[in-house]
C-alpha atoms as a PDB file:
ATOM      1  CA  MET A   1     -15.654 124.552-100.776  1.00  0.00           C
ATOM      2  CA  ASP A   2     -17.262 128.067-101.003  1.00  0.00           C
ATOM      3  CA  LEU A   3     -15.203 129.911-103.460  1.00  0.00           C
ATOM      4  CA  ALA A   4     -17.076 133.101-103.030  1.00  0.00           C
ATOM      5  CA  THR A   5     -15.319 133.462 -99.062  1.00  0.00           C
ATOM      6  CA  LEU A   6     -12.077 132.620-100.372  1.00  0.00           C
ATOM      7  CA  ILE A   7     -12.257 134.829-103.567  1.00  0.00           C
ATOM      8  CA  GLY A   8     -13.311 137.757-101.667  1.00  0.00           C
ATOM      9  CA  ILE A   9     -10.890 137.433 -98.731  1.00  0.00           C
ATOM     10  CA  ILE A  10      -8.011 136.955-101.347  1.00  0.00           C
ATOM     11  CA  ALA A  11      -8.909 139.735-103.902  1.00  0.00           C
ATOM     12  CA  GLY A  12      -9.144 142.274-100.683  1.00  0.00           C
ATOM     13  CA  PHE A  13      -5.863 141.545 -99.264  1.00  0.00           C
ATOM     14  CA  GLY A  14      -4.511 141.170-102.953  1.00  0.00           C
ATOM     15  CA  LEU A  15      -5.844 144.746-103.646  1.00  0.00           C
ATOM     16  CA  VAL A  16      -4.657 146.172-100.193  1.00  0.00           C
ATOM     17  CA  GLY A  17      -1.220 144.420-100.838  1.00  0.00           C
ATOM     18  CA  THR A  18      -0.920 145.712-104.382  1.00  0.00           C
ATOM     19  CA  THR A  19      -1.664 149.212-103.306  1.00  0.00           C
ATOM     20  CA  ILE A  20       0.693 149.168-100.514  1.00  0.00           C
ATOM     21  CA  ALA A  21       3.534 147.377-102.869  1.00  0.00           C
ATOM     22  CA  LEU A  22       3.179 150.183-105.457  1.00  0.00           C
ATOM     23  CA  GLY A  23       4.063 152.418-102.675  1.00  0.00           C
ATOM     24  CA  PRO A  24       7.662 154.046-101.923  1.00  0.00           C
ATOM     25  CA  ASP A  25       8.009 151.770 -98.784  1.00  0.00           C
ATOM     26  CA  PRO A  26       6.222 148.622 -98.679  1.00  0.00           C
ATOM     27  CA  ALA A  27       8.310 147.175 -95.919  1.00  0.00           C
ATOM     28  CA  GLY A  28       7.322 150.215 -93.453  1.00  0.00           C
ATOM     29  CA  PHE A  29       3.365 148.579 -93.386  1.00  0.00           C
ATOM     30  CA  PHE A  30       4.793 145.941 -91.441  1.00  0.00           C
ATOM     31  CA  ASP A  31       5.604 146.534 -87.783  1.00  0.00           C
ATOM     32  CA  ILE A  32       5.679 143.754 -84.892  1.00  0.00           C
ATOM     33  CA  PRO A  33       4.407 145.688 -82.135  1.00  0.00           C
ATOM     34  CA  SER A  34       1.610 146.657 -84.153  1.00  0.00           C
ATOM     35  CA  VAL A  35       0.473 143.116 -84.928  1.00  0.00           C
ATOM     36  CA  LEU A  36       0.939 142.255 -81.296  1.00  0.00           C
ATOM     37  CA  ILE A  37      -1.525 145.101 -80.332  1.00  0.00           C
ATOM     38  CA  VAL A  38      -4.135 144.532 -82.865  1.00  0.00           C
ATOM     39  CA  PHE A  39      -4.355 140.539 -83.165  1.00  0.00           C
ATOM     40  CA  GLY A  40      -3.479 139.608 -79.741  1.00  0.00           C
ATOM     41  CA  GLY A  41      -5.420 142.901 -78.335  1.00  0.00           C
ATOM     42  CA  THR A  42      -8.516 141.447 -80.271  1.00  0.00           C
ATOM     43  CA  ILE A  43      -8.178 137.983 -79.365  1.00  0.00           C
ATOM     44  CA  ALA A  44      -7.400 138.986 -75.456  1.00  0.00           C
ATOM     45  CA  ALA A  45     -10.302 141.217 -75.307  1.00  0.00           C
ATOM     46  CA  THR A  46     -12.792 138.238 -76.948  1.00  0.00           C
ATOM     47  CA  LEU A  47     -11.915 135.595 -74.525  1.00  0.00           C
ATOM     48  CA  ILE A  48     -12.777 138.259 -71.903  1.00  0.00           C
ATOM     49  CA  CYS A  49     -16.470 138.866 -73.270  1.00  0.00           C
ATOM     50  CA  PHE A  50     -16.831 135.157 -74.151  1.00  0.00           C
ATOM     51  CA  PRO A  51     -16.134 131.735 -72.724  1.00  0.00           C
ATOM     52  CA  LEU A  52     -13.131 129.771 -74.629  1.00  0.00           C
ATOM     53  CA  GLU A  53     -15.465 127.111 -75.826  1.00  0.00           C
ATOM     54  CA  GLU A  54     -17.820 129.562 -77.792  1.00  0.00           C
ATOM     55  CA  VAL A  55     -14.715 131.517 -79.198  1.00  0.00           C
ATOM     56  CA  ILE A  56     -13.410 128.088 -80.316  1.00  0.00           C
ATOM     57  CA  GLN A  57     -16.838 127.248 -81.694  1.00  0.00           C
ATOM     58  CA  ALA A  58     -16.683 130.703 -83.617  1.00  0.00           C
ATOM     59  CA  LEU A  59     -13.295 130.003 -85.339  1.00  0.00           C
ATOM     60  CA  LYS A  60     -14.330 126.365 -86.315  1.00  0.00           C
ATOM     61  CA  ALA A  61     -17.401 128.260 -87.668  1.00  0.00           C
ATOM     62  CA  SER A  62     -15.429 130.541 -89.721  1.00  0.00           C
ATOM     63  CA  ALA A  63     -13.112 127.834 -91.188  1.00  0.00           C
ATOM     64  CA  LYS A  64     -16.071 125.883 -92.157  1.00  0.00           C
ATOM     65  CA  THR A  65     -17.531 128.711 -94.493  1.00  0.00           C
ATOM     66  CA  PHE A  66     -14.072 127.937 -96.688  1.00  0.00           C
ATOM     67  CA  THR A  67     -14.157 124.182 -96.687  1.00  0.00           C
ATOM     68  CA  SER A  68     -17.993 123.151 -96.435  1.00  0.00           C
ATOM     69  CA  LYS A  69     -20.161 122.907 -99.464  1.00  0.00           C
ATOM     70  CA  ARG A  70     -23.650 125.149 -99.597  1.00  0.00           C
ATOM     71  CA  THR A  71     -26.537 122.972 -99.713  1.00  0.00           C
ATOM     72  CA  MET A  72     -28.820 124.765-101.960  1.00  0.00           C
ATOM     73  CA  PRO A  73     -32.872 124.486-101.129  1.00  0.00           C
ATOM     74  CA  GLU A  74     -33.587 122.728-104.494  1.00  0.00           C
ATOM     75  CA  GLU A  75     -31.180 120.051-103.764  1.00  0.00           C
ATOM     76  CA  VAL A  76     -32.790 119.401-100.541  1.00  0.00           C
ATOM     77  CA  VAL A  77     -36.173 119.018-102.252  1.00  0.00           C
ATOM     78  CA  ASP A  78     -34.872 117.070-105.450  1.00  0.00           C
ATOM     79  CA  VAL A  79     -33.643 114.637-102.314  1.00  0.00           C
ATOM     80  CA  MET A  80     -37.168 114.602-100.590  1.00  0.00           C
ATOM     81  CA  VAL A  81     -38.625 113.861-103.518  1.00  0.00           C
ATOM     82  CA  GLN A  82     -36.442 110.475-104.010  1.00  0.00           C
ATOM     83  CA  ILE A  83     -37.303 109.828-100.438  1.00  0.00           C
ATOM     84  CA  ALA A  84     -41.414 109.471-101.580  1.00  0.00           C
ATOM     85  CA  GLU A  85     -40.511 107.944-104.293  1.00  0.00           C
ATOM     86  CA  ILE A  86     -38.498 105.126-102.217  1.00  0.00           C
ATOM     87  CA  SER A  87     -41.646 104.993 -99.771  1.00  0.00           C
ATOM     88  CA  ARG A  88     -43.972 104.675-102.869  1.00  0.00           C
ATOM     89  CA  ARG A  89     -42.137 102.126-104.343  1.00  0.00           C
ATOM     90  CA  GLU A  90     -40.991  99.881-101.490  1.00  0.00           C
ATOM     91  CA  GLY A  91     -42.587 101.096 -98.142  1.00  0.00           C
ATOM     92  CA  ILE A  92     -41.994 103.263 -95.669  1.00  0.00           C
ATOM     93  CA  LEU A  93     -40.009 100.980 -93.816  1.00  0.00           C
ATOM     94  CA  ALA A  94     -37.459 100.771 -96.481  1.00  0.00           C
ATOM     95  CA  LEU A  95     -36.369 104.260 -95.285  1.00  0.00           C
ATOM     96  CA  GLU A  96     -34.920 102.702 -92.337  1.00  0.00           C
ATOM     97  CA  ARG A  97     -32.643 100.985 -94.758  1.00  0.00           C
ATOM     98  CA  VAL A  98     -31.167 104.339 -96.561  1.00  0.00           C
ATOM     99  CA  GLU A  99     -27.886 105.877 -95.887  1.00  0.00           C
ATOM    100  CA  THR A 100     -27.002 108.992 -95.357  1.00  0.00           C
ATOM    101  CA  ASN A 101     -24.459 111.329 -93.745  1.00  0.00           C
ATOM    102  CA  ASN A 102     -27.032 114.075 -92.837  1.00  0.00           C
ATOM    103  CA  PRO A 103     -28.516 113.377 -89.076  1.00  0.00           C
ATOM    104  CA  LEU A 104     -31.110 115.455 -89.704  1.00  0.00           C
ATOM    105  CA  LEU A 105     -32.244 113.659 -93.265  1.00  0.00           C
ATOM    106  CA  LYS A 106     -31.764 110.599 -91.021  1.00  0.00           C
ATOM    107  CA  LYS A 107     -33.828 111.549 -88.345  1.00  0.00           C
ATOM    108  CA  ALA A 108     -36.950 113.062 -90.970  1.00  0.00           C
ATOM    109  CA  MET A 109     -36.659 109.453 -92.458  1.00  0.00           C
ATOM    110  CA  GLN A 110     -36.951 107.911 -88.921  1.00  0.00           C
ATOM    111  CA  LEU A 111     -39.955 109.778 -88.060  1.00  0.00           C
ATOM    112  CA  ILE A 112     -41.300 108.863 -91.720  1.00  0.00           C
ATOM    113  CA  ALA A 113     -40.492 105.093 -90.860  1.00  0.00           C
ATOM    114  CA  ASP A 114     -42.204 105.294 -87.607  1.00  0.00           C
ATOM    115  CA  ASN A 115     -45.156 106.910 -89.221  1.00  0.00           C
ATOM    116  CA  ALA A 116     -44.941 109.829 -86.460  1.00  0.00           C
ATOM    117  CA  ASP A 117     -47.796 112.187 -85.872  1.00  0.00           C
ATOM    118  CA  PRO A 118     -47.412 115.583 -87.834  1.00  0.00           C
ATOM    119  CA  ASP A 119     -47.419 117.370 -84.721  1.00  0.00           C
ATOM    120  CA  LEU A 120     -44.326 115.419 -83.422  1.00  0.00           C
ATOM    121  CA  ILE A 121     -42.637 116.410 -86.748  1.00  0.00           C
ATOM    122  CA  HIS A 122     -43.583 120.079 -86.531  1.00  0.00           C
ATOM    123  CA  ASN A 123     -42.327 120.275 -82.856  1.00  0.00           C
ATOM    124  CA  THR A 124     -39.221 118.625 -83.790  1.00  0.00           C
ATOM    125  CA  VAL A 125     -38.185 121.332 -86.541  1.00  0.00           C
ATOM    126  CA  ILE A 126     -39.249 124.293 -84.385  1.00  0.00           C
ATOM    127  CA  ILE A 127     -36.911 122.333 -81.770  1.00  0.00           C
ATOM    128  CA  GLU A 128     -34.086 121.854 -84.318  1.00  0.00           C
ATOM    129  CA  ILE A 129     -34.255 125.070 -85.844  1.00  0.00           C
ATOM    130  CA  SER A 130     -34.352 127.205 -82.798  1.00  0.00           C
ATOM    131  CA  SER A 131     -31.367 125.044 -81.643  1.00  0.00           C
ATOM    132  CA  MET A 132     -29.428 125.384 -84.865  1.00  0.00           C
ATOM    133  CA  GLN A 133     -30.245 129.491 -84.456  1.00  0.00           C
ATOM    134  CA  LYS A 134     -28.768 129.275 -81.068  1.00  0.00           C
ATOM    135  CA  ARG A 135     -25.693 128.024 -82.140  1.00  0.00           C
ATOM    136  CA  HIS A 136     -24.814 129.832 -84.913  1.00  0.00           C
ATOM    137  CA  GLY A 137     -25.924 133.077 -83.107  1.00  0.00           C
ATOM    138  CA  ILE A 138     -23.373 132.676 -80.497  1.00  0.00           C
ATOM    139  CA  SER A 139     -20.622 132.091 -83.362  1.00  0.00           C
ATOM    140  CA  ILE A 140     -22.227 135.711 -85.358  1.00  0.00           C
ATOM    141  CA  GLY A 141     -21.972 137.324 -81.892  1.00  0.00           C
ATOM    142  CA  VAL A 142     -18.361 136.451 -81.371  1.00  0.00           C
ATOM    143  CA  LEU A 143     -17.264 137.544 -84.546  1.00  0.00           C
ATOM    144  CA  ASN A 144     -19.583 140.636 -84.917  1.00  0.00           C
ATOM    145  CA  LYS A 145     -17.449 141.572 -81.547  1.00  0.00           C
ATOM    146  CA  MET A 146     -14.064 140.767 -82.863  1.00  0.00           C
ATOM    147  CA  ALA A 147     -14.954 143.132 -85.802  1.00  0.00           C
ATOM    148  CA  SER A 148     -15.898 146.025 -83.118  1.00  0.00           C
ATOM    149  CA  LEU A 149     -12.679 145.305 -81.263  1.00  0.00           C
ATOM    150  CA  SER A 150     -10.198 145.099 -83.873  1.00  0.00           C
ATOM    151  CA  PRO A 151     -10.657 148.910 -84.882  1.00  0.00           C
ATOM    152  CA  ALA A 152     -10.676 149.615 -81.191  1.00  0.00           C
ATOM    153  CA  MET A 153      -7.438 147.777 -80.662  1.00  0.00           C
ATOM    154  CA  GLY A 154      -5.919 149.692 -83.593  1.00  0.00           C
ATOM    155  CA  MET A 155      -6.874 152.785 -81.859  1.00  0.00           C
ATOM    156  CA  LEU A 156      -5.203 151.761 -78.748  1.00  0.00           C
ATOM    157  CA  GLY A 157      -2.065 151.262 -80.375  1.00  0.00           C
ATOM    158  CA  THR A 158      -2.380 154.431 -82.332  1.00  0.00           C
ATOM    159  CA  LEU A 159      -2.741 156.287 -79.088  1.00  0.00           C
ATOM    160  CA  ILE A 160       0.463 154.187 -77.835  1.00  0.00           C
ATOM    161  CA  GLY A 161       2.480 155.432 -81.011  1.00  0.00           C
ATOM    162  CA  LEU A 162       1.181 159.148 -80.297  1.00  0.00           C
ATOM    163  CA  ILE A 163       2.710 158.802 -76.868  1.00  0.00           C
ATOM    164  CA  GLN A 164       5.617 157.781 -77.739  1.00  0.00           C
ATOM    165  CA  MET A 165       5.975 160.153 -80.839  1.00  0.00           C
ATOM    166  CA  LEU A 166       5.451 163.071 -78.578  1.00  0.00           C
ATOM    167  CA  SER A 167       8.103 162.064 -76.254  1.00  0.00           C
ATOM    168  CA  GLN A 168      10.676 162.324 -79.253  1.00  0.00           C
ATOM    169  CA  LEU A 169       9.477 166.141 -80.175  1.00  0.00           C
ATOM    170  CA  ASN A 170      13.388 167.175 -79.272  1.00  0.00           C
ATOM    171  CA  ASP A 171      14.022 165.111 -82.353  1.00  0.00           C
ATOM    172  CA  PRO A 172      12.096 166.136 -85.624  1.00  0.00           C
ATOM    173  CA  SER A 173      13.692 163.733 -87.762  1.00  0.00           C
ATOM    174  CA  ALA A 174      12.000 160.634 -85.803  1.00  0.00           C
ATOM    175  CA  LEU A 175       8.597 162.298 -86.097  1.00  0.00           C
ATOM    176  CA  GLY A 176       7.708 161.317 -89.495  1.00  0.00           C
ATOM    177  CA  PRO A 177       8.336 157.558 -89.134  1.00  0.00           C
ATOM    178  CA  ALA A 178       7.160 157.431 -85.540  1.00  0.00           C
ATOM    179  CA  MET A 179       3.561 158.798 -86.916  1.00  0.00           C
ATOM    180  CA  ALA A 180       3.749 156.137 -89.745  1.00  0.00           C
ATOM    181  CA  ILE A 181       4.245 153.361 -87.197  1.00  0.00           C
ATOM    182  CA  ALA A 182       1.147 154.862 -84.908  1.00  0.00           C
ATOM    183  CA  LEU A 183      -1.313 154.752 -87.627  1.00  0.00           C
ATOM    184  CA  ILE A 184      -0.353 150.960 -89.029  1.00  0.00           C
ATOM    185  CA  THR A 185      -2.453 149.838 -85.872  1.00  0.00           C
ATOM    186  CA  THR A 186      -5.335 151.550 -87.066  1.00  0.00           C
ATOM    187  CA  LEU A 187      -4.787 150.135 -90.663  1.00  0.00           C
ATOM    188  CA  TYR A 188      -4.517 146.553 -89.492  1.00  0.00           C
ATOM    189  CA  GLY A 189      -7.719 146.662 -87.329  1.00  0.00           C
ATOM    190  CA  THR A 190      -9.712 148.286 -90.092  1.00  0.00           C
ATOM    191  CA  ILE A 191      -8.673 145.348 -92.288  1.00  0.00           C
ATOM    192  CA  LEU A 192      -9.430 142.708 -90.005  1.00  0.00           C
ATOM    193  CA  ALA A 193     -12.707 143.959 -89.154  1.00  0.00           C
ATOM    194  CA  ASN A 194     -14.069 144.639 -92.832  1.00  0.00           C
ATOM    195  CA  PHE A 195     -12.224 142.076 -94.722  1.00  0.00           C
ATOM    196  CA  ILE A 196     -12.418 139.292 -91.743  1.00  0.00           C
ATOM    197  CA  PHE A 197     -14.381 139.508 -88.819  1.00  0.00           C
ATOM    198  CA  GLY A 198     -17.432 141.210 -90.367  1.00  0.00           C
ATOM    199  CA  PRO A 199     -17.679 139.724 -93.497  1.00  0.00           C
ATOM    200  CA  LEU A 200     -17.450 136.116 -91.741  1.00  0.00           C
ATOM    201  CA  ALA A 201     -20.127 137.165 -89.508  1.00  0.00           C
ATOM    202  CA  THR A 202     -22.647 138.127 -92.558  1.00  0.00           C
ATOM    203  CA  LYS A 203     -21.720 134.746 -94.003  1.00  0.00           C
ATOM    204  CA  LEU A 204     -22.294 132.680 -90.871  1.00  0.00           C
ATOM    205  CA  LYS A 205     -25.817 134.789 -90.526  1.00  0.00           C
ATOM    206  CA  SER A 206     -26.805 134.047 -94.184  1.00  0.00           C
ATOM    207  CA  ARG A 207     -25.520 130.303 -93.961  1.00  0.00           C
ATOM    208  CA  SER A 208     -27.848 130.332 -90.818  1.00  0.00           C
ATOM    209  CA  THR A 209     -30.929 131.378 -92.854  1.00  0.00           C
ATOM    210  CA  GLN A 210     -30.391 129.267 -95.628  1.00  0.00           C
ATOM    211  CA  GLU A 211     -29.682 125.990 -93.043  1.00  0.00           C
ATOM    212  CA  SER A 212     -33.136 127.056 -91.449  1.00  0.00           C
ATOM    213  CA  MET A 213     -34.957 126.806 -94.907  1.00  0.00           C
ATOM    214  CA  ASN A 214     -33.306 123.512 -95.583  1.00  0.00           C
ATOM    215  CA  LEU A 215     -34.567 121.876 -92.129  1.00  0.00           C
ATOM    216  CA  SER A 216     -38.186 123.248 -93.056  1.00  0.00           C
ATOM    217  CA  ILE A 217     -38.020 121.342 -96.276  1.00  0.00           C
ATOM    218  CA  ILE A 218     -36.818 118.350 -95.008  1.00  0.00           C
ATOM    219  CA  PHE A 219     -39.415 118.091 -92.226  1.00  0.00           C
ATOM    220  CA  GLU A 220     -42.151 119.483 -94.145  1.00  0.00           C
ATOM    221  CA  GLY A 221     -41.358 117.001 -96.986  1.00  0.00           C
ATOM    222  CA  ALA A 222     -41.604 114.229 -93.806  1.00  0.00           C
ATOM    223  CA  LYS A 223     -45.194 115.422 -93.463  1.00  0.00           C
ATOM    224  CA  SER A 224     -45.718 115.313 -97.090  1.00  0.00           C
ATOM    225  CA  ILE A 225     -44.660 111.969 -97.528  1.00  0.00           C
ATOM    226  CA  LEU A 226     -46.986 110.739 -94.604  1.00  0.00           C
ATOM    227  CA  GLU A 227     -49.870 112.379 -95.492  1.00  0.00           C
ATOM    228  CA  ASN A 228     -49.499 111.424 -99.424  1.00  0.00           C
ATOM    229  CA  ASN A 229     -46.609 110.163-100.828  1.00  0.00           C
ATOM    230  CA  ASN A 230     -47.251 110.825-104.185  1.00  0.00           C
ATOM    231  CA  PRO A 231     -43.338 112.287-105.359  1.00  0.00           C
ATOM    232  CA  ARG A 232     -45.364 114.673-107.547  1.00  0.00           C
ATOM    233  CA  LEU A 233     -47.519 115.962-104.966  1.00  0.00           C
ATOM    234  CA  VAL A 234     -44.749 116.005-102.390  1.00  0.00           C
ATOM    235  CA  TYR A 235     -42.724 118.195-104.756  1.00  0.00           C
ATOM    236  CA  GLU A 236     -45.411 120.781-105.932  1.00  0.00           C
ATOM    237  CA  LYS A 237     -45.864 121.006-101.736  1.00  0.00           C
ATOM    238  CA  LEU A 238     -42.019 121.796-101.355  1.00  0.00           C
ATOM    239  CA  SER A 239     -41.362 123.681-104.373  1.00  0.00           C
ATOM    240  CA  SER A 240     -43.162 126.603-102.768  1.00  0.00           C
ATOM    241  CA  PHE A 241     -39.959 126.932-100.854  1.00  0.00           C
ATOM    242  CA  LEU A 242     -37.694 127.721-104.017  1.00  0.00           C
ATOM    243  CA  SER A 243     -37.475 130.932-106.100  1.00  0.00           C
ATOM    244  CA  PRO A 244     -39.589 130.617-109.335  1.00  0.00           C
ATOM    245  CA  SER A 245     -36.428 130.746-111.645  1.00  0.00           C
ATOM    246  CA  VAL A 246     -35.245 127.020-110.152  1.00  0.00           C
ATOM    247  CA  ARG A 247     -38.864 125.302-110.125  1.00  0.00           C
ATOM    248  CA  LYS A 248     -39.264 122.383-112.225  1.00  0.00           C
ATOM    249  CA  SER A 249     -42.545 122.142-114.590  1.00  0.00           C
ATOM    250  CA  SER A 250     -45.091 119.338-113.353  1.00  0.00           C
ATOM    251  CA  GLU A 251     -43.641 117.201-116.384  1.00  0.00           C
ATOM    252  CA  GLU A 252     -40.533 116.915-115.257  1.00  0.00           C
ATOM    253  CA  ASN A 253     -41.470 115.501-111.940  1.00  0.00           C
END
């Protein structure tokens, strides 16, 4: 689980909720018509912009930012070094028997076991990275669109509220509550854009960048093992992907 995403959302809503609770009328910040306009309007407009399956894909990708554990590049490097050790000790055909839940790692080991041409491995990683970035790009685009639509829906609700307020000018006592309700929709839209959709789009973009690096490490490791399956040399080559602070010294490999 990615605790940063969960902590950030809880902290953000917690701060807003605390501020509201400390005010004179917390119940006044909840209005069902405003919820319908902002939440419902954002979803409806998004469905106009994108096919249903792409919206569902974006929502599923957003959920994974809470549940899936991020794989760090140094962890991928360690795995590739272990694969190099197996291939050196038992031969590259032994990699066909290695069990893994990662389909890309499985594909890399199959390429090594098949003694694939380095150009084939290079082309494979380009296709895999391009395909992944396109999938992630769709989800990021949907979330960014929702981040731009939710404040617009909030403004739409505000305009509706102002029209209703102006229709009650003959009753000055109703103007204050009507104005408050009109502004609540803008608040809802701003919260959705800045605490939910915008940050999740940025998180997915960060995940996509890191997964691209992990893919590059996997397939570059496969090429290195085919060229020279010395685990130390494989690590020295793959450590170029890592920041100096997490690199191991040569004595540790």
